[in-house]
């Protein structure tokens, strides 16, 4: 996988690049194809800001983190990315995605029309008797 790392006002060292690549290798274990991952590292007055954009099939994932220490910011960023990727991975298994009424209407499993049910009259000669135990 080719990871694009750009930086504003900071020179990218080999240790920074290897740290980012190691974290992306951990994300690849989720078995989701990561398409064109792009990381932007920016120096700000309050510390370092790091942003990442990853294209996945039919979606795009974005996360950012800010901290005084660059390597702490990288750790926070990849925790956020991992959380979003696991959510993306299990999205199809979610019950709100399955059995959705609109999808069932589109496939013809159900129709949008109300069903009229026949009225049923129940005739009963049974009497309700109170037992002393339950009488108030």
Protein backbone atom coordinates (compact mmCIF):
# COMPACT_ATOMS: atom_id res chain seq x y z
CA UNK A 1 0.00 0.00 0.00
CA UNK A 2 1.24 3.45 -0.83
CA UNK A 3 0.76 5.97 1.98
CA UNK A 4 0.93 9.63 1.09
CA UNK A 5 2.34 11.75 3.91
CA UNK A 6 2.48 15.51 3.52
CA UNK A 7 3.66 18.06 6.00
CA UNK A 8 3.32 21.76 6.53
CA UNK A 9 6.18 23.50 8.32
CA UNK A 10 7.73 20.20 9.52
CA UNK A 11 10.25 17.98 7.76
CA UNK A 12 9.18 14.36 7.72
CA UNK A 13 11.83 12.13 9.27
CA UNK A 14 12.26 8.41 8.71
CA UNK A 15 11.03 7.63 12.25
CA UNK A 16 7.82 9.60 11.64
CA UNK A 17 7.26 7.78 8.37
CA UNK A 18 7.89 4.32 9.89
CA UNK A 19 5.61 5.07 12.85
CA UNK A 20 2.75 6.00 10.49
CA UNK A 21 3.40 2.98 8.25
CA UNK A 22 3.43 0.61 11.26
CA UNK A 23 0.07 1.93 12.40
CA UNK A 24 -1.40 1.49 8.92
CA UNK A 25 -0.17 -2.12 8.91
CA UNK A 26 -2.19 -2.68 12.09
CA UNK A 27 -5.27 -1.20 10.37
CA UNK A 28 -4.81 -3.56 7.41
CA UNK A 29 -5.42 -6.51 9.76
CA UNK A 30 -9.11 -5.55 9.80
CA UNK A 31 -9.37 -6.95 6.24
CA UNK A 32 -10.76 -3.72 4.79
CA UNK A 33 -9.15 -2.46 1.57
CA UNK A 34 -7.63 0.94 2.39
CA UNK A 35 -7.59 3.02 -0.78
CA UNK A 36 -5.20 5.97 -1.06
CA UNK A 37 -4.52 6.78 2.60
CA UNK A 38 -3.36 10.38 3.02
CA UNK A 39 -1.83 11.84 6.20
CA UNK A 40 -1.25 15.57 6.76
CA UNK A 41 0.98 16.77 9.61
CA UNK A 42 0.74 20.44 10.56
CA UNK A 43 2.67 22.49 13.13
CA UNK A 44 0.35 24.74 15.12
CA UNK A 45 0.89 27.15 18.05
CA UNK A 46 -0.73 24.69 20.47
CA UNK A 47 1.29 21.70 19.24
CA UNK A 48 1.05 19.33 16.31
CA UNK A 49 -2.12 18.54 14.37
CA UNK A 50 -2.34 15.37 12.32
CA UNK A 51 -5.15 14.50 9.91
CA UNK A 52 -5.82 11.35 7.93
CA UNK A 53 -8.20 10.57 5.10
CA UNK A 54 -8.77 7.02 3.92
CA UNK A 55 -11.00 5.95 1.07
CA UNK A 56 -12.72 2.62 1.62
CA UNK A 57 -15.23 0.95 -0.71
CA UNK A 58 -18.32 3.18 -0.96
CA UNK A 59 -17.17 5.50 1.84
CA UNK A 60 -14.51 7.91 3.07
CA UNK A 61 -13.07 7.99 6.59
CA UNK A 62 -11.54 11.10 8.14
CA UNK A 63 -9.99 11.67 11.55
CA UNK A 64 -7.74 14.24 13.20
CA UNK A 65 -5.85 14.60 16.45
CA UNK A 66 -3.93 17.40 18.13
CA UNK A 67 -1.31 17.18 20.87
CA UNK A 68 1.99 18.71 21.97
CA UNK A 69 3.84 15.49 21.17
CA UNK A 70 3.71 14.23 17.59
CA UNK A 71 3.85 10.54 18.49
CA UNK A 72 1.02 10.86 21.01
CA UNK A 73 -1.04 12.60 18.31
CA UNK A 74 -0.28 9.75 15.90
CA UNK A 75 -1.48 7.22 18.49
CA UNK A 76 -4.69 9.16 19.13
CA UNK A 77 -5.33 9.52 15.40
CA UNK A 78 -5.00 5.82 14.70
CA UNK A 79 -7.21 4.91 17.66
CA UNK A 80 -9.92 7.07 16.10
CA UNK A 81 -9.34 5.53 12.67
CA UNK A 82 -9.49 2.01 14.08
CA UNK A 83 -12.77 2.78 15.84
CA UNK A 84 -14.29 4.16 12.63
CA UNK A 85 -13.04 1.22 10.54
CA UNK A 86 -14.51 -1.36 12.93
CA UNK A 87 -17.80 0.54 12.83
CA UNK A 88 -17.63 0.50 9.02
CA UNK A 89 -16.79 -3.20 9.04
CA UNK A 90 -19.82 -4.15 11.17
CA UNK A 91 -22.22 -1.71 9.56
CA UNK A 92 -23.88 -4.35 7.41
CA UNK A 93 -24.44 -6.57 10.45
CA UNK A 94 -26.27 -3.90 12.40
CA UNK A 95 -29.94 -4.58 12.98
CA UNK A 96 -30.88 -1.06 11.97
CA UNK A 97 -29.43 -1.70 8.51
CA UNK A 98 -31.17 -5.04 8.19
CA UNK A 99 -34.93 -5.41 8.16
CA UNK A 100 -35.44 -1.78 7.35
CA UNK A 101 -39.04 -1.09 6.36
CA UNK A 102 -38.08 0.89 3.26
CA UNK A 103 -35.84 -1.87 1.97
CA UNK A 104 -38.55 -4.46 2.60
CA UNK A 105 -41.03 -2.33 0.62
CA UNK A 106 -38.57 -1.98 -2.27
CA UNK A 107 -37.99 -5.71 -2.48
CA UNK A 108 -41.73 -6.41 -2.32
CA UNK A 109 -41.65 -8.34 0.95
CA UNK A 110 -44.22 -5.98 2.40
CA UNK A 111 -46.54 -3.42 0.86
CA UNK A 112 -47.25 0.04 2.12
CA UNK A 113 -51.00 -0.54 2.23
CA UNK A 114 -52.91 -1.22 5.42
CA UNK A 115 -54.31 -4.71 5.84
CA UNK A 116 -57.93 -5.01 6.87
CA UNK A 117 -58.55 -7.73 9.39
CA UNK A 118 -62.05 -9.15 9.90
CA UNK A 119 -63.71 -8.33 13.19
CA UNK A 120 -64.16 -11.29 15.48
CA UNK A 121 -66.84 -11.37 18.13
CA UNK A 122 -66.20 -13.58 21.09
CA UNK A 123 -69.16 -14.91 22.98
CA UNK A 124 -68.38 -16.31 26.37
CA UNK A 125 -70.51 -17.62 29.18
CA UNK A 126 -67.53 -17.94 31.53
CA UNK A 127 -67.77 -16.16 34.84
CA UNK A 128 -64.87 -14.74 36.68
CA UNK A 129 -64.81 -15.86 40.29
CA UNK A 130 -62.63 -14.23 42.88
CA UNK A 131 -60.70 -16.37 45.25
CA UNK A 132 -60.38 -15.24 48.85
CA UNK A 133 -56.59 -15.10 48.53
CA UNK A 134 -56.69 -12.49 45.79
CA UNK A 135 -59.68 -10.46 46.92
CA UNK A 136 -58.73 -7.08 48.26
